[in-house]
Amino acid sequence: MSRWEKAMPVAELPENTLANRKMGGRNILLARVEGQIYALLNDCPHLGCLLHKGLLRGHTVTCPCHDWIFDLRTGEFTAAPEITIPVFPVKVEGGEIYVDLEEV
């Protein structure tokens, strides 16, 4: 069952930016790249650093603490794809971004 929750207005997430939203008791990373919006758990699995403070390059985000690089589309750590961050479905309705926080 879906648990769609409003994250933020689309207008507040410009192209090629990252944002953090506290949703469902978790930090959720929102990113907008090439018009597509992505939502992932905003905690690096290495030491829990907040990824929204990292560097966005194309469809990847680099952890600000130890330079681990994750693909926004899949949540995979690029150096070891078996390590992943949960990715959540996103939809846009009425100018608002919604994230389905049901466990993936």
Protein backbone atom coordinates (compact mmCIF):
# COMPACT_ATOMS: atom_id res chain seq x y z
CA MET A 1 0.00 0.00 0.00
CA SER A 2 1.31 3.45 -0.91
CA ARG A 3 2.04 6.18 1.61
CA TRP A 4 2.32 9.26 -0.59
CA GLU A 5 3.49 12.26 1.41
CA LYS A 6 3.94 15.83 0.21
CA ALA A 7 7.62 16.74 0.16
CA MET A 8 7.81 20.26 -1.27
CA PRO A 9 6.71 22.47 -4.15
CA VAL A 10 8.44 21.67 -7.46
CA ALA A 11 9.40 25.36 -7.76
CA GLU A 12 11.59 25.02 -4.63
CA LEU A 13 13.74 22.30 -6.23
CA PRO A 14 15.52 23.92 -9.19
CA GLU A 15 17.26 21.85 -11.85
CA ASN A 16 20.57 20.27 -10.71
CA THR A 17 19.98 20.74 -6.99
CA LEU A 18 19.70 18.57 -3.90
CA ALA A 19 17.40 19.05 -0.91
CA ASN A 20 16.70 17.33 2.38
CA ARG A 21 13.19 16.80 3.74
CA LYS A 22 12.30 15.11 7.01
CA MET A 23 9.50 12.70 6.07
CA GLY A 24 8.11 9.77 7.99
CA GLY A 25 10.83 10.16 10.61
CA ARG A 26 13.60 9.84 8.01
CA ASN A 27 15.80 12.22 6.07
CA ILE A 28 14.86 12.03 2.40
CA LEU A 29 17.17 13.30 -0.34
CA LEU A 30 15.38 14.99 -3.23
CA ALA A 31 17.25 15.70 -6.45
CA ARG A 32 16.24 17.19 -9.77
CA VAL A 33 18.28 16.20 -12.82
CA GLU A 34 17.26 16.64 -16.46
CA GLY A 35 13.71 17.44 -15.36
CA GLN A 36 13.37 14.17 -13.41
CA ILE A 37 12.93 14.18 -9.63
CA TYR A 38 14.49 11.45 -7.50
CA ALA A 39 13.99 10.54 -3.83
CA LEU A 40 16.40 8.44 -1.80
CA LEU A 41 17.19 7.88 1.84
CA ASN A 42 19.51 10.79 2.68
CA ASP A 43 21.93 8.79 4.83
CA CYS A 44 25.16 7.36 3.45
CA PRO A 45 25.36 3.69 4.54
CA HIS A 46 29.05 4.14 5.41
CA LEU A 47 28.75 6.52 8.38
CA GLY A 48 25.34 8.12 7.96
CA CYS A 49 26.49 11.42 6.48
CA LEU A 50 23.75 13.49 4.85
CA LEU A 51 24.10 13.15 1.10
CA HIS A 52 22.31 16.41 0.23
CA LYS A 53 25.44 18.21 1.44
CA GLY A 54 27.48 16.36 -1.18
CA LEU A 55 28.34 17.05 -4.80
CA LEU A 56 25.78 16.45 -7.55
CA ARG A 57 27.24 15.44 -10.93
CA GLY A 58 24.76 14.29 -13.52
CA HIS A 59 22.82 11.38 -12.01
CA THR A 60 25.28 10.82 -9.16
CA VAL A 61 25.79 12.32 -5.73
CA THR A 62 29.11 12.14 -3.88
CA CYS A 63 29.01 11.75 -0.11
CA PRO A 64 30.56 14.82 1.56
CA CYS A 65 32.32 12.71 4.21
CA HIS A 66 34.19 9.98 2.34
CA ASP A 67 33.56 10.51 -1.38
CA TRP A 68 31.33 7.47 -1.89
CA ILE A 69 29.39 7.99 -5.13
CA PHE A 70 25.75 6.90 -5.49
CA ASP A 71 23.51 6.71 -8.57
CA LEU A 72 20.31 8.69 -7.92
CA ARG A 73 18.31 6.41 -10.24
CA THR A 74 19.12 3.13 -8.48
CA GLY A 75 20.63 4.05 -5.12
CA GLU A 76 23.71 1.95 -5.96
CA PHE A 77 27.18 2.76 -4.66
CA THR A 78 29.08 2.97 -7.95
CA ALA A 79 32.20 1.19 -6.65
CA ALA A 80 30.23 -1.70 -5.12
CA PRO A 81 26.68 -2.02 -6.55
CA GLU A 82 25.71 -4.52 -3.85
CA ILE A 83 25.64 -1.56 -1.42
CA THR A 84 22.50 0.47 -2.01
CA ILE A 85 20.44 3.29 -0.56
CA PRO A 86 16.64 2.90 -0.64
CA VAL A 87 15.02 4.73 -3.56
CA PHE A 88 11.40 5.91 -3.30
CA PRO A 89 8.81 6.51 -6.04
CA VAL A 90 8.06 10.16 -6.82
CA LYS A 91 5.11 11.89 -8.46
CA VAL A 92 4.26 15.52 -9.15
CA GLU A 93 0.69 16.75 -8.80
CA GLY A 94 -0.59 20.31 -8.64
CA GLY A 95 2.94 21.70 -8.55
CA GLU A 96 3.86 19.59 -5.48
CA ILE A 97 6.37 16.75 -5.15
CA TYR A 98 5.03 13.61 -3.46
CA VAL A 99 7.14 10.68 -2.26
CA ASP A 100 5.85 7.17 -1.62
CA LEU A 101 7.51 6.28 1.68
CA GLU A 102 6.29 2.69 1.70
CA GLU A 103 9.32 0.46 2.10
CA VAL A 104 10.86 -0.38 -1.24
